[in-house]
């Protein structure tokens, strides 16, 4: 299920208003949910929601806010620091800039290094400052960029290729205290 890419995970869960959702979805493995949560809290981005504890070698899920406006903190997080040796992260940013209506972005990290940055506006772009090991896969898929469900197709392609589990509302727990702190 990739519907969340259109509006953000918190809005998809029914906990926020579409258009206001600046949540980030992080799939992780090779590190624990507790370590991810601690790392996000240290960066002033406490988890807003999280999935069940992942089985060894499986993918976990955690959701946090893109920014911390209460601290005037609009800087991006350096996920490399949350991705120790042996770990892997896939970060989806459905609404990277609501005000400017930019398309989603996705990032793949492994062993503390970034391997792919996918800009949904130019998903097959590869550049000196924009590594994208997934570009050949995306190009070969021949997705129609103009299609109404392009974002969902691209998200499904990334998720399937990396073996990410489908999002399931029933396995996500919303941290209502963290949600209230954002208001």
Protein backbone atom coordinates (compact mmCIF):
# COMPACT_ATOMS: atom_id res chain seq x y z
CA UNK A 1 0.00 0.00 0.00
CA UNK A 2 1.62 3.24 -1.14
CA UNK A 3 -1.26 5.73 -0.73
CA UNK A 4 0.68 7.53 2.02
CA UNK A 5 3.12 8.99 -0.55
CA UNK A 6 0.35 11.31 -1.79
CA UNK A 7 -0.36 13.00 1.54
CA UNK A 8 2.16 11.91 4.18
CA UNK A 9 1.91 9.09 6.70
CA UNK A 10 0.24 11.06 9.49
CA UNK A 11 -2.51 12.32 7.17
CA UNK A 12 -2.85 8.80 5.72
CA UNK A 13 -3.36 7.48 9.24
CA UNK A 14 -6.14 10.04 9.73
CA UNK A 15 -4.17 11.93 12.37
CA UNK A 16 -3.48 15.09 10.38
CA UNK A 17 -4.82 17.24 7.61
CA UNK A 18 -3.65 16.66 4.07
CA UNK A 19 -1.45 19.55 3.02
CA UNK A 20 -0.17 20.10 6.54
CA UNK A 21 1.59 16.75 6.87
CA UNK A 22 5.34 17.17 6.85
CA UNK A 23 6.07 13.73 8.23
CA UNK A 24 8.97 11.54 7.16
CA UNK A 25 8.73 7.76 6.91
CA UNK A 26 11.89 5.83 7.74
CA UNK A 27 12.29 2.11 7.15
CA UNK A 28 15.28 0.71 9.02
CA UNK A 29 17.05 -2.59 9.58
CA UNK A 30 20.27 -3.57 11.28
CA UNK A 31 19.49 -1.14 14.09
CA UNK A 32 16.76 -1.12 16.71
CA UNK A 33 13.62 0.95 16.98
CA UNK A 34 14.93 2.26 20.32
CA UNK A 35 18.20 3.41 18.71
CA UNK A 36 16.32 5.11 15.90
CA UNK A 37 13.97 6.82 18.35
CA UNK A 38 16.88 7.98 20.55
CA UNK A 39 18.72 9.33 17.50
CA UNK A 40 15.64 11.22 16.32
CA UNK A 41 14.95 12.66 19.78
CA UNK A 42 18.59 13.82 19.99
CA UNK A 43 17.98 15.66 16.70
CA UNK A 44 14.75 17.19 18.05
CA UNK A 45 12.53 15.06 15.80
CA UNK A 46 10.74 12.71 18.21
CA UNK A 47 8.87 9.81 16.63
CA UNK A 48 5.25 10.57 15.79
CA UNK A 49 4.45 6.94 14.99
CA UNK A 50 6.23 3.62 14.82
CA UNK A 51 5.64 0.09 13.67
CA UNK A 52 5.94 -3.15 15.58
CA UNK A 53 9.40 -4.25 16.65
CA UNK A 54 11.03 -5.83 13.60
CA UNK A 55 12.16 -9.44 13.51
CA UNK A 56 15.95 -9.92 13.23
CA UNK A 57 16.96 -8.91 9.71
CA UNK A 58 13.53 -7.42 9.08
CA UNK A 59 12.49 -3.87 8.40
CA UNK A 60 11.18 -1.58 11.12
CA UNK A 61 9.23 1.62 10.55
CA UNK A 62 9.31 4.96 12.32
CA UNK A 63 7.69 8.29 11.41
CA UNK A 64 8.90 11.72 12.49
CA UNK A 65 8.31 15.34 11.57
CA UNK A 66 10.49 16.85 8.85
CA UNK A 67 11.10 20.03 10.85
CA UNK A 68 10.82 21.27 14.40
CA UNK A 69 9.17 24.65 14.01
CA UNK A 70 8.86 25.10 17.80
CA UNK A 71 12.67 25.33 17.87
CA UNK A 72 12.91 27.23 14.57
CA UNK A 73 14.77 24.16 13.31
CA UNK A 74 14.28 23.70 9.58
CA UNK A 75 17.53 21.90 8.88
CA UNK A 76 17.61 18.45 7.33
CA UNK A 77 18.68 15.50 9.45
CA UNK A 78 21.94 13.78 8.59
CA UNK A 79 20.63 10.22 8.46
CA UNK A 80 24.13 8.86 7.94
CA UNK A 81 24.61 9.30 11.70
CA UNK A 82 21.51 7.16 12.32
CA UNK A 83 22.77 4.41 10.03
CA UNK A 84 25.69 2.58 11.70
CA UNK A 85 27.79 -0.09 10.03
CA UNK A 86 25.53 -3.05 9.19
CA UNK A 87 22.38 -0.90 9.10
CA UNK A 88 20.22 0.22 6.23
CA UNK A 89 17.66 3.05 6.01
CA UNK A 90 15.13 4.03 3.39
CA UNK A 91 13.77 7.51 4.00
CA UNK A 92 10.64 8.80 2.26
CA UNK A 93 9.82 12.52 2.40
CA UNK A 94 6.33 12.80 0.86
CA UNK A 95 6.06 16.60 1.24
CA UNK A 96 9.57 18.11 1.32
CA UNK A 97 8.31 21.65 0.79
CA UNK A 98 4.55 22.08 1.03
CA UNK A 99 4.78 25.82 0.38
CA UNK A 100 6.54 25.31 -2.95
CA UNK A 101 4.67 22.10 -3.87
CA UNK A 102 7.81 20.09 -4.59
CA UNK A 103 7.42 16.39 -5.23
CA UNK A 104 8.49 13.68 -2.79
CA UNK A 105 12.04 12.52 -2.27
CA UNK A 106 13.40 9.14 -1.21
CA UNK A 107 16.85 8.25 0.09
CA UNK A 108 18.61 4.91 0.56
CA UNK A 109 21.42 4.63 3.13
CA UNK A 110 23.58 1.63 3.84
CA UNK A 111 26.43 1.34 6.36
CA UNK A 112 26.31 5.07 7.06
CA UNK A 113 26.59 6.05 3.39
CA UNK A 114 23.99 7.30 0.99
CA UNK A 115 23.55 5.22 -2.14
CA UNK A 116 20.48 6.80 -3.73
CA UNK A 117 18.68 10.12 -3.68
CA UNK A 118 15.48 9.97 -5.69
CA UNK A 119 13.71 13.19 -6.52
CA UNK A 120 10.22 12.28 -7.74
CA UNK A 121 10.37 15.24 -10.12
CA UNK A 122 13.50 13.76 -11.80
CA UNK A 123 13.64 10.15 -10.55
CA UNK A 124 16.25 8.84 -12.98
CA UNK A 125 18.66 11.77 -12.49
CA UNK A 126 22.21 10.89 -11.59
CA UNK A 127 24.68 13.62 -10.81
CA UNK A 128 27.89 14.39 -9.01
CA UNK A 129 26.04 15.58 -5.92
CA UNK A 130 23.00 13.38 -6.33
CA UNK A 131 23.97 9.69 -6.09
CA UNK A 132 21.29 7.39 -7.40
CA UNK A 133 22.18 3.72 -7.68
CA UNK A 134 18.48 3.02 -8.27
CA UNK A 135 18.40 5.18 -11.43
CA UNK A 136 18.92 2.25 -13.86
CA UNK A 137 16.06 0.34 -12.20
CA UNK A 138 13.78 3.39 -12.42
CA UNK A 139 14.70 4.07 -16.05
CA UNK A 140 14.18 0.40 -17.03
CA UNK A 141 10.73 0.39 -15.40
CA UNK A 142 9.55 3.00 -17.91
CA UNK A 143 7.07 4.61 -15.54
CA UNK A 144 4.89 7.36 -17.01
CA UNK A 145 5.92 10.54 -15.16
CA UNK A 146 2.66 12.19 -16.25
CA UNK A 147 0.43 9.45 -14.86
CA UNK A 148 -1.94 10.32 -11.99
CA UNK A 149 -0.53 7.47 -9.92
CA UNK A 150 3.14 7.98 -10.83
CA UNK A 151 4.15 8.69 -7.22
CA UNK A 152 2.55 5.46 -6.04
CA UNK A 153 4.10 3.47 -8.89
CA UNK A 154 7.57 4.83 -8.17
CA UNK A 155 7.16 4.23 -4.44
CA UNK A 156 6.01 0.65 -5.10
CA UNK A 157 9.00 0.09 -7.39
CA UNK A 158 11.43 1.30 -4.71
CA UNK A 159 9.69 -0.68 -1.95
CA UNK A 160 9.54 -3.89 -4.00
CA UNK A 161 13.16 -3.62 -5.12
CA UNK A 162 14.44 -3.09 -1.57
CA UNK A 163 12.06 -5.65 -0.02
CA UNK A 164 10.24 -3.12 2.16
CA UNK A 165 7.02 -4.33 3.78
CA UNK A 166 3.75 -2.68 2.85
CA UNK A 167 2.50 -0.03 5.22
CA UNK A 168 -0.33 -1.27 7.40
CA UNK A 169 -2.42 1.08 9.52
CA UNK A 170 -3.06 -1.74 11.99
CA UNK A 171 0.63 -2.14 12.83
CA UNK A 172 1.43 1.56 13.35
CA UNK A 173 1.14 3.18 16.75
CA UNK A 174 0.74 6.95 16.91
CA UNK A 175 2.49 8.77 19.73
CA UNK A 176 -0.26 11.26 20.57
CA UNK A 177 1.92 13.09 23.10
CA UNK A 178 4.52 13.86 20.41
CA UNK A 179 1.72 14.86 18.04
CA UNK A 180 0.32 17.34 20.60
CA UNK A 181 3.75 18.86 21.12
CA UNK A 182 3.77 19.91 17.46
CA UNK A 183 0.60 21.97 17.75
